[in-house]
Amino acid sequence: MKISAVELDDNDVVEIFITAMEGGIGYWAVADEYKWRHLYADDDCTQAISLGDDYVLAVLSDAEGEDFKDLKLTPFHIRRGVNWMLHSNYYININDIDASAADNIVQAGLFDEVVYG
């Protein structure tokens, strides 16, 4: 059975975002500002704040300073990237998103393809 779409709640979006920032996208992008703690509503970091699709998670620039600058990453991009991955030839285990998968999700969400590897 192939899953063709998933609904991500705000906790899922935050987890994928943090995984991408902490271990996935650093070889092609840098965040001008990145503070993961403010994305949680509780001290235990178990409940994400309410995110709209246009909430700016981070502002990214090309790590080499050549291709893009001030690219806003939002929950919309994370959700779009997951659904793009589900329809691509890339393998994704939606129940266990690692740094590589989170990297591909962010790329797919921003660029509608996996550009950097």
PDB file of N, CA and C in Angstrom:
ATOM      1  N   MET A   1       0.842  -1.174   0.000  1.00  0.00           N
ATOM      2  CA  MET A   1       0.000   0.000   0.000  1.00  0.00           C
ATOM      3  C   MET A   1       0.892   1.243   0.000  1.00  0.00           C
ATOM      4  N   LYS A   2       0.606   2.167  -0.871  1.00  0.00           N
ATOM      5  CA  LYS A   2       1.353   3.421  -0.942  1.00  0.00           C
ATOM      6  C   LYS A   2       0.483   4.540  -0.388  1.00  0.00           C
ATOM      7  N   ILE A   3       1.029   5.274   0.567  1.00  0.00           N
ATOM      8  CA  ILE A   3       0.322   6.417   1.145  1.00  0.00           C
ATOM      9  C   ILE A   3       0.532   7.601   0.222  1.00  0.00           C
ATOM     10  N   SER A   4      -0.552   8.279  -0.135  1.00  0.00           N
ATOM     11  CA  SER A   4      -0.438   9.368  -1.105  1.00  0.00           C
ATOM     12  C   SER A   4      -0.497  10.756  -0.478  1.00  0.00           C
ATOM     13  N   ALA A   5      -0.928  10.851   0.777  1.00  0.00           N
ATOM     14  CA  ALA A   5      -0.976  12.145   1.449  1.00  0.00           C
ATOM     15  C   ALA A   5      -1.044  11.922   2.954  1.00  0.00           C
ATOM     16  N   VAL A   6      -0.520  12.869   3.697  1.00  0.00           N
ATOM     17  CA  VAL A   6      -0.608  12.828   5.157  1.00  0.00           C
ATOM     18  C   VAL A   6      -0.962  14.221   5.652  1.00  0.00           C
ATOM     19  N   GLU A   7      -1.601  14.250   6.798  1.00  0.00           N
ATOM     20  CA  GLU A   7      -1.894  15.506   7.480  1.00  0.00           C
ATOM     21  C   GLU A   7      -0.902  15.644   8.623  1.00  0.00           C
ATOM     22  N   LEU A   8      -0.114  16.688   8.615  1.00  0.00           N
ATOM     23  CA  LEU A   8       0.855  16.927   9.684  1.00  0.00           C
ATOM     24  C   LEU A   8       0.289  17.939  10.661  1.00  0.00           C
ATOM     25  N   ASP A   9       0.343  17.602  11.955  1.00  0.00           N
ATOM     26  CA  ASP A   9      -0.048  18.601  12.937  1.00  0.00           C
ATOM     27  C   ASP A   9       1.168  19.486  13.235  1.00  0.00           C
ATOM     28  N   ASP A  10       0.969  20.490  14.062  1.00  0.00           N
ATOM     29  CA  ASP A  10       2.046  21.437  14.343  1.00  0.00           C
ATOM     30  C   ASP A  10       3.247  20.767  15.024  1.00  0.00           C
ATOM     31  N   ASN A  11       3.003  19.761  15.864  1.00  0.00           N
ATOM     32  CA  ASN A  11       4.117  19.037  16.490  1.00  0.00           C
ATOM     33  C   ASN A  11       4.963  18.341  15.436  1.00  0.00           C
ATOM     34  N   ASP A  12       4.318  17.711  14.446  1.00  0.00           N
ATOM     35  CA  ASP A  12       5.053  17.049  13.369  1.00  0.00           C
ATOM     36  C   ASP A  12       5.911  18.049  12.597  1.00  0.00           C
ATOM     37  N   VAL A  13       5.318  19.192  12.286  1.00  0.00           N
ATOM     38  CA  VAL A  13       6.033  20.231  11.532  1.00  0.00           C
ATOM     39  C   VAL A  13       7.266  20.687  12.305  1.00  0.00           C
ATOM     40  N   VAL A  14       7.100  20.959  13.591  1.00  0.00           N
ATOM     41  CA  VAL A  14       8.221  21.432  14.415  1.00  0.00           C
ATOM     42  C   VAL A  14       9.310  20.365  14.507  1.00  0.00           C
ATOM     43  N   GLU A  15       8.932  19.109  14.701  1.00  0.00           N
ATOM     44  CA  GLU A  15       9.928  18.037  14.786  1.00  0.00           C
ATOM     45  C   GLU A  15      10.726  17.903  13.490  1.00  0.00           C
ATOM     46  N   ILE A  16      10.050  17.955  12.348  1.00  0.00           N
ATOM     47  CA  ILE A  16      10.743  17.862  11.061  1.00  0.00           C
ATOM     48  C   ILE A  16      11.654  19.079  10.871  1.00  0.00           C
ATOM     49  N   PHE A  17      11.149  20.246  11.207  1.00  0.00           N
ATOM     50  CA  PHE A  17      11.941  21.471  11.082  1.00  0.00           C
ATOM     51  C   PHE A  17      13.212  21.395  11.927  1.00  0.00           C
ATOM     52  N   ILE A  18      13.084  21.029  13.195  1.00  0.00           N
ATOM     53  CA  ILE A  18      14.254  20.963  14.074  1.00  0.00           C
ATOM     54  C   ILE A  18      15.241  19.912  13.581  1.00  0.00           C
ATOM     55  N   THR A  19      14.735  18.771  13.129  1.00  0.00           N
ATOM     56  CA  THR A  19      15.619  17.725  12.592  1.00  0.00           C
ATOM     57  C   THR A  19      16.383  18.243  11.383  1.00  0.00           C
ATOM     58  N   ALA A  20      15.709  18.970  10.522  1.00  0.00           N
ATOM     59  CA  ALA A  20      16.377  19.542   9.345  1.00  0.00           C
ATOM     60  C   ALA A  20      17.431  20.563   9.759  1.00  0.00           C
ATOM     61  N   MET A  21      17.099  21.413  10.700  1.00  0.00           N
ATOM     62  CA  MET A  21      18.028  22.456  11.126  1.00  0.00           C
ATOM     63  C   MET A  21      19.228  21.888  11.881  1.00  0.00           C
ATOM     64  N   GLU A  22      18.995  20.901  12.715  1.00  0.00           N
ATOM     65  CA  GLU A  22      20.053  20.356  13.563  1.00  0.00           C
ATOM     66  C   GLU A  22      20.976  19.396  12.827  1.00  0.00           C
ATOM     67  N   GLY A  23      20.485  18.749  11.771  1.00  0.00           N
ATOM     68  CA  GLY A  23      21.337  17.752  11.154  1.00  0.00           C
ATOM     69  C   GLY A  23      21.187  17.581   9.669  1.00  0.00           C
ATOM     70  N   GLY A  24      20.260  18.286   9.043  1.00  0.00           N
ATOM     71  CA  GLY A  24      19.990  18.007   7.649  1.00  0.00           C
ATOM     72  C   GLY A  24      20.461  19.015   6.630  1.00  0.00           C
ATOM     73  N   ILE A  25      20.151  20.282   6.816  1.00  0.00           N
ATOM     74  CA  ILE A  25      20.329  21.251   5.726  1.00  0.00           C
ATOM     75  C   ILE A  25      21.607  22.074   5.795  1.00  0.00           C
ATOM     76  N   GLY A  26      22.405  21.869   6.817  1.00  0.00           N
ATOM     77  CA  GLY A  26      23.572  22.722   7.049  1.00  0.00           C
ATOM     78  C   GLY A  26      24.596  22.764   5.938  1.00  0.00           C
ATOM     79  N   TYR A  27      24.607  21.768   5.070  1.00  0.00           N
ATOM     80  CA  TYR A  27      25.604  21.761   3.989  1.00  0.00           C
ATOM     81  C   TYR A  27      25.193  22.635   2.810  1.00  0.00           C
ATOM     82  N   TRP A  28      23.923  23.044   2.745  1.00  0.00           N
ATOM     83  CA  TRP A  28      23.490  23.904   1.642  1.00  0.00           C
ATOM     84  C   TRP A  28      22.820  25.197   2.091  1.00  0.00           C
ATOM     85  N   ALA A  29      22.441  25.276   3.364  1.00  0.00           N
ATOM     86  CA  ALA A  29      21.739  26.486   3.829  1.00  0.00           C
ATOM     87  C   ALA A  29      22.146  26.835   5.249  1.00  0.00           C
ATOM     88  N   VAL A  30      22.073  28.122   5.554  1.00  0.00           N
ATOM     89  CA  VAL A  30      22.260  28.612   6.913  1.00  0.00           C
ATOM     90  C   VAL A  30      21.054  29.454   7.289  1.00  0.00           C
ATOM     91  N   ALA A  31      20.685  29.365   8.543  1.00  0.00           N
ATOM     92  CA  ALA A  31      19.562  30.164   9.040  1.00  0.00           C
ATOM     93  C   ALA A  31      20.089  31.466   9.605  1.00  0.00           C
ATOM     94  N   ASP A  32      19.489  32.566   9.181  1.00  0.00           N
ATOM     95  CA  ASP A  32      19.886  33.863   9.712  1.00  0.00           C
ATOM     96  C   ASP A  32      19.508  33.963  11.186  1.00  0.00           C
ATOM     97  N   GLU A  33      18.412  33.299  11.554  1.00  0.00           N
ATOM     98  CA  GLU A  33      17.997  33.256  12.948  1.00  0.00           C
ATOM     99  C   GLU A  33      17.290  31.935  13.169  1.00  0.00           C
ATOM    100  N   TYR A  34      17.703  31.234  14.208  1.00  0.00           N
ATOM    101  CA  TYR A  34      17.114  29.933  14.497  1.00  0.00           C
ATOM    102  C   TYR A  34      17.035  29.745  15.999  1.00  0.00           C
ATOM    103  N   LYS A  35      15.813  29.741  16.517  1.00  0.00           N
ATOM    104  CA  LYS A  35      15.578  29.518  17.940  1.00  0.00           C
ATOM    105  C   LYS A  35      14.434  28.522  18.064  1.00  0.00           C
ATOM    106  N   TRP A  36      14.767  27.260  18.282  1.00  0.00           N
ATOM    107  CA  TRP A  36      13.746  26.226  18.327  1.00  0.00           C
ATOM    108  C   TRP A  36      12.871  26.318  19.562  1.00  0.00           C
ATOM    109  N   ARG A  37      13.394  26.800  20.662  1.00  0.00           N
ATOM    110  CA  ARG A  37      12.657  26.796  21.934  1.00  0.00           C
ATOM    111  C   ARG A  37      11.349  27.580  21.861  1.00  0.00           C
ATOM    112  N   HIS A  38      11.320  28.655  21.111  1.00  0.00           N
ATOM    113  CA  HIS A  38      10.101  29.470  21.043  1.00  0.00           C
ATOM    114  C   HIS A  38       8.972  28.784  20.257  1.00  0.00           C
ATOM    115  N   LEU A  39       9.248  27.633  19.677  1.00  0.00           N
ATOM    116  CA  LEU A  39       8.222  26.899  18.931  1.00  0.00           C
ATOM    117  C   LEU A  39       7.371  26.001  19.819  1.00  0.00           C
ATOM    118  N   TYR A  40       7.697  25.952  21.101  1.00  0.00           N
ATOM    119  CA  TYR A  40       6.954  25.101  22.034  1.00  0.00           C
ATOM    120  C   TYR A  40       6.177  25.940  23.042  1.00  0.00           C
ATOM    121  N   ALA A  41       4.974  25.463  23.371  1.00  0.00           N
ATOM    122  CA  ALA A  41       4.103  26.175  24.292  1.00  0.00           C
ATOM    123  C   ALA A  41       4.351  25.793  25.745  1.00  0.00           C
ATOM    124  N   ASP A  42       5.081  24.695  25.968  1.00  0.00           N
ATOM    125  CA  ASP A  42       5.299  24.232  27.337  1.00  0.00           C
ATOM    126  C   ASP A  42       6.795  24.089  27.638  1.00  0.00           C
ATOM    127  N   ASP A  43       7.112  24.040  28.908  1.00  0.00           N
ATOM    128  CA  ASP A  43       8.510  23.937  29.339  1.00  0.00           C
ATOM    129  C   ASP A  43       9.146  22.594  28.999  1.00  0.00           C
ATOM    130  N   ASP A  44       8.336  21.555  28.846  1.00  0.00           N
ATOM    131  CA  ASP A  44       8.849  20.221  28.534  1.00  0.00           C
ATOM    132  C   ASP A  44       9.079  20.005  27.035  1.00  0.00           C
ATOM    133  N   CYS A  45       8.740  20.989  26.233  1.00  0.00           N
ATOM    134  CA  CYS A  45       8.902  20.912  24.775  1.00  0.00           C
ATOM    135  C   CYS A  45       8.157  19.703  24.187  1.00  0.00           C
ATOM    136  N   THR A  46       6.933  19.523  24.625  1.00  0.00           N
ATOM    137  CA  THR A  46       6.117  18.427  24.110  1.00  0.00           C
ATOM    138  C   THR A  46       4.940  18.920  23.291  1.00  0.00           C
ATOM    139  N   GLN A  47       4.590  20.203  23.406  1.00  0.00           N
ATOM    140  CA  GLN A  47       3.449  20.749  22.682  1.00  0.00           C
ATOM    141  C   GLN A  47       3.877  21.988  21.890  1.00  0.00           C
ATOM    142  N   ALA A  48       3.793  21.870  20.570  1.00  0.00           N
ATOM    143  CA  ALA A  48       4.158  23.003  19.712  1.00  0.00           C
ATOM    144  C   ALA A  48       3.133  24.121  19.840  1.00  0.00           C
ATOM    145  N   ILE A  49       3.584  25.324  19.597  1.00  0.00           N
ATOM    146  CA  ILE A  49       2.649  26.448  19.535  1.00  0.00           C
ATOM    147  C   ILE A  49       1.770  26.265  18.300  1.00  0.00           C
ATOM    148  N   SER A  50       0.703  27.013  18.240  1.00  0.00           N
ATOM    149  CA  SER A  50      -0.170  26.956  17.074  1.00  0.00           C
ATOM    150  C   SER A  50       0.503  27.703  15.923  1.00  0.00           C
ATOM    151  N   LEU A  51       0.720  26.992  14.822  1.00  0.00           N
ATOM    152  CA  LEU A  51       1.415  27.554  13.667  1.00  0.00           C
ATOM    153  C   LEU A  51       0.437  27.723  12.508  1.00  0.00           C
ATOM    154  N   GLY A  52       0.421  28.885  11.929  1.00  0.00           N
ATOM    155  CA  GLY A  52      -0.290  29.054  10.672  1.00  0.00           C
ATOM    156  C   GLY A  52       0.632  28.642   9.540  1.00  0.00           C
ATOM    157  N   ASP A  53       0.082  28.396   8.375  1.00  0.00           N
ATOM    158  CA  ASP A  53       0.910  27.967   7.245  1.00  0.00           C
ATOM    159  C   ASP A  53       1.944  29.008   6.831  1.00  0.00           C
ATOM    160  N   ASP A  54       1.732  30.267   7.197  1.00  0.00           N
ATOM    161  CA  ASP A  54       2.672  31.315   6.795  1.00  0.00           C
ATOM    162  C   ASP A  54       3.614  31.744   7.930  1.00  0.00           C
ATOM    163  N   TYR A  55       3.586  31.038   9.060  1.00  0.00           N
ATOM    164  CA  TYR A  55       4.489  31.328  10.171  1.00  0.00           C
ATOM    165  C   TYR A  55       5.931  31.095   9.702  1.00  0.00           C
ATOM    166  N   VAL A  56       6.803  32.053   9.894  1.00  0.00           N
ATOM    167  CA  VAL A  56       8.190  31.917   9.445  1.00  0.00           C
ATOM    168  C   VAL A  56       8.992  31.161  10.496  1.00  0.00           C
ATOM    169  N   LEU A  57       9.350  29.925  10.149  1.00  0.00           N
ATOM    170  CA  LEU A  57      10.159  29.087  11.031  1.00  0.00           C
ATOM    171  C   LEU A  57      11.610  29.529  11.028  1.00  0.00           C
ATOM    172  N   ALA A  58      12.108  29.903   9.857  1.00  0.00           N
ATOM    173  CA  ALA A  58      13.494  30.357   9.712  1.00  0.00           C
ATOM    174  C   ALA A  58      13.628  31.108   8.400  1.00  0.00           C
ATOM    175  N   VAL A  59      14.612  31.975   8.356  1.00  0.00           N
ATOM    176  CA  VAL A  59      14.989  32.661   7.120  1.00  0.00           C
ATOM    177  C   VAL A  59      16.336  32.075   6.707  1.00  0.00           C
ATOM    178  N   LEU A  60      16.370  31.491   5.517  1.00  0.00           N
ATOM    179  CA  LEU A  60      17.548  30.765   5.059  1.00  0.00           C
ATOM    180  C   LEU A  60      18.306  31.520   3.979  1.00  0.00           C
ATOM    181  N   SER A  61      19.603  31.301   3.978  1.00  0.00           N
ATOM    182  CA  SER A  61      20.472  31.796   2.911  1.00  0.00           C
ATOM    183  C   SER A  61      21.336  30.645   2.431  1.00  0.00           C
ATOM    184  N   ASP A  62      21.782  30.729   1.207  1.00  0.00           N
ATOM    185  CA  ASP A  62      22.672  29.723   0.623  1.00  0.00           C
ATOM    186  C   ASP A  62      23.965  29.679   1.422  1.00  0.00           C
ATOM    187  N   ALA A  63      24.403  28.486   1.807  1.00  0.00           N
ATOM    188  CA  ALA A  63      25.636  28.333   2.595  1.00  0.00           C
ATOM    189  C   ALA A  63      26.853  28.874   1.862  1.00  0.00           C
ATOM    190  N   GLU A  64      26.812  28.850   0.537  1.00  0.00           N
ATOM    191  CA  GLU A  64      27.913  29.367  -0.271  1.00  0.00           C
ATOM    192  C   GLU A  64      27.695  30.826  -0.667  1.00  0.00           C
ATOM    193  N   GLY A  65      26.519  31.375  -0.366  1.00  0.00           N
ATOM    194  CA  GLY A  65      26.222  32.766  -0.669  1.00  0.00           C
ATOM    195  C   GLY A  65      25.987  33.055  -2.131  1.00  0.00           C
ATOM    196  N   GLU A  66      25.602  32.025  -2.909  1.00  0.00           N
ATOM    197  CA  GLU A  66      25.505  32.213  -4.354  1.00  0.00           C
ATOM    198  C   GLU A  66      24.085  32.125  -4.922  1.00  0.00           C
ATOM    199  N   ASP A  67      23.265  31.182  -4.434  1.00  0.00           N
ATOM    200  CA  ASP A  67      22.006  30.886  -5.106  1.00  0.00           C
ATOM    201  C   ASP A  67      20.781  31.613  -4.555  1.00  0.00           C
ATOM    202  N   PHE A  68      20.705  31.819  -3.256  1.00  0.00           N
ATOM    203  CA  PHE A  68      19.521  32.461  -2.694  1.00  0.00           C
ATOM    204  C   PHE A  68      19.863  33.129  -1.371  1.00  0.00           C
ATOM    205  N   LYS A  69      19.014  34.059  -0.979  1.00  0.00           N
ATOM    206  CA  LYS A  69      19.154  34.768   0.282  1.00  0.00           C
ATOM    207  C   LYS A  69      17.761  35.136   0.772  1.00  0.00           C
ATOM    208  N   ASP A  70      17.590  35.121   2.080  1.00  0.00           N
ATOM    209  CA  ASP A  70      16.330  35.519   2.714  1.00  0.00           C
ATOM    210  C   ASP A  70      15.138  34.687   2.247  1.00  0.00           C
ATOM    211  N   LEU A  71      15.336  33.387   2.150  1.00  0.00           N
ATOM    212  CA  LEU A  71      14.283  32.454   1.763  1.00  0.00           C
ATOM    213  C   LEU A  71      13.528  32.047   3.023  1.00  0.00           C
ATOM    214  N   LYS A  72      12.245  32.340   3.087  1.00  0.00           N
ATOM    215  CA  LYS A  72      11.453  32.066   4.286  1.00  0.00           C
ATOM    216  C   LYS A  72      10.922  30.637   4.256  1.00  0.00           C
ATOM    217  N   LEU A  73      11.245  29.882   5.307  1.00  0.00           N
ATOM    218  CA  LEU A  73      10.770  28.519   5.475  1.00  0.00           C
ATOM    219  C   LEU A  73       9.571  28.548   6.414  1.00  0.00           C
ATOM    220  N   THR A  74       8.438  28.015   5.959  1.00  0.00           N
ATOM    221  CA  THR A  74       7.194  28.049   6.720  1.00  0.00           C
ATOM    222  C   THR A  74       6.629  26.630   6.892  1.00  0.00           C
ATOM    223  N   PRO A  75       5.638  26.455   7.759  1.00  0.00           N
ATOM    224  CA  PRO A  75       4.973  25.156   7.865  1.00  0.00           C
ATOM    225  C   PRO A  75       4.397  24.684   6.533  1.00  0.00           C
ATOM    226  N   PHE A  76       3.950  25.602   5.708  1.00  0.00           N
ATOM    227  CA  PHE A  76       3.454  25.236   4.379  1.00  0.00           C
ATOM    228  C   PHE A  76       4.516  24.453   3.615  1.00  0.00           C
ATOM    229  N   HIS A  77       5.757  24.916   3.665  1.00  0.00           N
ATOM    230  CA  HIS A  77       6.848  24.240   2.949  1.00  0.00           C
ATOM    231  C   HIS A  77       7.105  22.842   3.505  1.00  0.00           C
ATOM    232  N   ILE A  78       7.052  22.696   4.822  1.00  0.00           N
ATOM    233  CA  ILE A  78       7.260  21.374   5.428  1.00  0.00           C
ATOM    234  C   ILE A  78       6.153  20.419   4.973  1.00  0.00           C
ATOM    235  N   ARG A  79       4.920  20.871   5.050  1.00  0.00           N
ATOM    236  CA  ARG A  79       3.790  20.012   4.645  1.00  0.00           C
ATOM    237  C   ARG A  79       3.858  19.681   3.154  1.00  0.00           C
ATOM    238  N   ARG A  80       4.149  20.672   2.360  1.00  0.00           N
ATOM    239  CA  ARG A  80       4.270  20.439   0.914  1.00  0.00           C
ATOM    240  C   ARG A  80       5.408  19.476   0.607  1.00  0.00           C
ATOM    241  N   GLY A  81       6.531  19.627   1.311  1.00  0.00           N
ATOM    242  CA  GLY A  81       7.682  18.757   1.095  1.00  0.00           C
ATOM    243  C   GLY A  81       7.390  17.309   1.434  1.00  0.00           C
ATOM    244  N   VAL A  82       6.681  17.071   2.522  1.00  0.00           N
ATOM    245  CA  VAL A  82       6.317  15.693   2.890  1.00  0.00           C
ATOM    246  C   VAL A  82       5.445  15.079   1.803  1.00  0.00           C
ATOM    247  N   ASN A  83       4.445  15.795   1.368  1.00  0.00           N
ATOM    248  CA  ASN A  83       3.555  15.244   0.341  1.00  0.00           C
ATOM    249  C   ASN A  83       4.266  15.090  -1.004  1.00  0.00           C
ATOM    250  N   TRP A  84       5.205  15.977  -1.311  1.00  0.00           N
ATOM    251  CA  TRP A  84       6.008  15.812  -2.530  1.00  0.00           C
ATOM    252  C   TRP A  84       6.821  14.519  -2.438  1.00  0.00           C
ATOM    253  N   MET A  85       7.437  14.294  -1.276  1.00  0.00           N
ATOM    254  CA  MET A  85       8.247  13.085  -1.078  1.00  0.00           C
ATOM    255  C   MET A  85       7.408  11.822  -1.244  1.00  0.00           C
ATOM    256  N   LEU A  86       6.170  11.845  -0.772  1.00  0.00           N
ATOM    257  CA  LEU A  86       5.301  10.673  -0.889  1.00  0.00           C
ATOM    258  C   LEU A  86       4.994  10.323  -2.338  1.00  0.00           C
ATOM    259  N   HIS A  87       5.059  11.321  -3.226  1.00  0.00           N
ATOM    260  CA  HIS A  87       4.773  11.097  -4.650  1.00  0.00           C
ATOM    261  C   HIS A  87       6.034  10.980  -5.492  1.00  0.00           C
ATOM    262  N   SER A  88       7.188  10.944  -4.851  1.00  0.00           N
ATOM    263  CA  SER A  88       8.452  10.888  -5.582  1.00  0.00           C
ATOM    264  C   SER A  88       9.043   9.482  -5.528  1.00  0.00           C
ATOM    265  N   ASN A  89      10.216   9.343  -6.092  1.00  0.00           N
ATOM    266  CA  ASN A  89      10.952   8.082  -6.029  1.00  0.00           C
ATOM    267  C   ASN A  89      11.809   7.970  -4.776  1.00  0.00           C
ATOM    268  N   TYR A  90      11.778   8.987  -3.924  1.00  0.00           N
ATOM    269  CA  TYR A  90      12.538   8.966  -2.674  1.00  0.00           C
ATOM    270  C   TYR A  90      11.772   8.164  -1.639  1.00  0.00           C
ATOM    271  N   TYR A  91      12.508   7.403  -0.845  1.00  0.00           N
ATOM    272  CA  TYR A  91      11.891   6.643   0.245  1.00  0.00           C
ATOM    273  C   TYR A  91      11.736   7.550   1.454  1.00  0.00           C
ATOM    274  N   ILE A  92      10.585   7.486   2.095  1.00  0.00           N
ATOM    275  CA  ILE A  92      10.370   8.237   3.324  1.00  0.00           C
ATOM    276  C   ILE A  92       9.555   7.374   4.282  1.00  0.00           C
ATOM    277  N   ASN A  93      10.045   7.227   5.490  1.00  0.00           N
ATOM    278  CA  ASN A  93       9.303   6.554   6.550  1.00  0.00           C
ATOM    279  C   ASN A  93       8.684   7.659   7.388  1.00  0.00           C
ATOM    280  N   ILE A  94       7.427   7.912   7.180  1.00  0.00           N
ATOM    281  CA  ILE A  94       6.756   9.045   7.809  1.00  0.00           C
ATOM    282  C   ILE A  94       6.751   8.942   9.333  1.00  0.00           C
ATOM    283  N   ASN A  95       6.958   7.751   9.858  1.00  0.00           N
ATOM    284  CA  ASN A  95       6.973   7.565  11.311  1.00  0.00           C
ATOM    285  C   ASN A  95       8.359   7.728  11.920  1.00  0.00           C
ATOM    286  N   ASP A  96       9.372   7.914  11.095  1.00  0.00           N
ATOM    287  CA  ASP A  96      10.744   8.043  11.584  1.00  0.00           C
ATOM    288  C   ASP A  96      11.544   8.925  10.636  1.00  0.00           C
ATOM    289  N   ILE A  97      11.366  10.226  10.762  1.00  0.00           N
ATOM    290  CA  ILE A  97      12.045  11.187   9.887  1.00  0.00           C
ATOM    291  C   ILE A  97      13.437  11.457  10.445  1.00  0.00           C
ATOM    292  N   ASP A  98      14.464  11.050   9.691  1.00  0.00           N
ATOM    293  CA  ASP A  98      15.839  11.315  10.107  1.00  0.00           C
ATOM    294  C   ASP A  98      16.335  12.599   9.435  1.00  0.00           C
ATOM    295  N   ALA A  99      17.587  12.955   9.681  1.00  0.00           N
ATOM    296  CA  ALA A  99      18.147  14.210   9.157  1.00  0.00           C
ATOM    297  C   ALA A  99      18.131  14.246   7.638  1.00  0.00           C
ATOM    298  N   SER A 100      18.454  13.144   7.005  1.00  0.00           N
ATOM    299  CA  SER A 100      18.464  13.092   5.540  1.00  0.00           C
ATOM    300  C   SER A 100      17.061  13.293   4.975  1.00  0.00           C
ATOM    301  N   ALA A 101      16.085  12.636   5.558  1.00  0.00           N
ATOM    302  CA  ALA A 101      14.698  12.793   5.088  1.00  0.00           C
ATOM    303  C   ALA A 101      14.207  14.221   5.346  1.00  0.00           C
ATOM    304  N   ALA A 102      14.531  14.775   6.514  1.00  0.00           N
ATOM    305  CA  ALA A 102      14.119  16.145   6.826  1.00  0.00           C
ATOM    306  C   ALA A 102      14.752  17.136   5.852  1.00  0.00           C
ATOM    307  N   ASP A 103      15.998  16.912   5.498  1.00  0.00           N
ATOM    308  CA  ASP A 103      16.688  17.731   4.501  1.00  0.00           C
ATOM    309  C   ASP A 103      15.932  17.684   3.181  1.00  0.00           C
ATOM    310  N   ASN A 104      15.622  16.485   2.708  1.00  0.00           N
ATOM    311  CA  ASN A 104      14.898  16.338   1.437  1.00  0.00           C
ATOM    312  C   ASN A 104      13.515  16.961   1.504  1.00  0.00           C
ATOM    313  N   ILE A 105      12.844  16.845   2.627  1.00  0.00           N
ATOM    314  CA  ILE A 105      11.518  17.450   2.804  1.00  0.00           C
ATOM    315  C   ILE A 105      11.602  18.960   2.656  1.00  0.00           C
ATOM    316  N   VAL A 106      12.572  19.575   3.311  1.00  0.00           N
ATOM    317  CA  VAL A 106      12.726  21.040   3.217  1.00  0.00           C
ATOM    318  C   VAL A 106      13.041  21.452   1.783  1.00  0.00           C
ATOM    319  N   GLN A 107      13.962  20.749   1.136  1.00  0.00           N
ATOM    320  CA  GLN A 107      14.283  21.082  -0.257  1.00  0.00           C
ATOM    321  C   GLN A 107      13.063  20.955  -1.162  1.00  0.00           C
ATOM    322  N   ALA A 108      12.347  19.848  -1.031  1.00  0.00           N
ATOM    323  CA  ALA A 108      11.170  19.622  -1.875  1.00  0.00           C
ATOM    324  C   ALA A 108      10.106  20.676  -1.612  1.00  0.00           C
ATOM    325  N   GLY A 109       9.935  21.040  -0.349  1.00  0.00           N
ATOM    326  CA  GLY A 109       8.944  22.053  -0.011  1.00  0.00           C
ATOM    327  C   GLY A 109       9.280  23.430  -0.535  1.00  0.00           C
ATOM    328  N   LEU A 110      10.562  23.769  -0.514  1.00  0.00           N
ATOM    329  CA  LEU A 110      10.996  25.086  -0.985  1.00  0.00           C
ATOM    330  C   LEU A 110      11.149  25.169  -2.503  1.00  0.00           C
ATOM    331  N   PHE A 111      11.719  24.111  -3.103  1.00  0.00           N
ATOM    332  CA  PHE A 111      12.126  24.164  -4.515  1.00  0.00           C
ATOM    333  C   PHE A 111      11.326  23.257  -5.440  1.00  0.00           C
ATOM    334  N   ASP A 112      10.406  22.476  -4.882  1.00  0.00           N
ATOM    335  CA  ASP A 112       9.624  21.507  -5.642  1.00  0.00           C
ATOM    336  C   ASP A 112      10.516  20.435  -6.290  1.00  0.00           C
ATOM    337  N   GLU A 113      11.658  20.201  -5.684  1.00  0.00           N
ATOM    338  CA  GLU A 113      12.584  19.135  -6.086  1.00  0.00           C
ATOM    339  C   GLU A 113      13.689  19.052  -5.032  1.00  0.00           C
ATOM    340  N   VAL A 114      14.432  17.950  -5.068  1.00  0.00           N
ATOM    341  CA  VAL A 114      15.604  17.819  -4.212  1.00  0.00           C
ATOM    342  C   VAL A 114      16.791  18.289  -5.037  1.00  0.00           C
ATOM    343  N   VAL A 115      17.323  19.431  -4.669  1.00  0.00           N
ATOM    344  CA  VAL A 115      18.349  20.095  -5.453  1.00  0.00           C
ATOM    345  C   VAL A 115      19.756  19.701  -5.006  1.00  0.00           C
ATOM    346  N   TYR A 116      19.959  19.602  -3.710  1.00  0.00           N
ATOM    347  CA  TYR A 116      21.294  19.452  -3.130  1.00  0.00           C
ATOM    348  C   TYR A 116      21.556  18.028  -2.610  1.00  0.00           C
ATOM    349  N   GLY A 117      21.587  17.067  -3.478  1.00  0.00           N
ATOM    350  CA  GLY A 117      21.982  15.727  -3.059  1.00  0.00           C
ATOM    351  C   GLY A 117      20.913  14.742  -2.793  1.00  0.00           C
TER     352      GLY A 117
END
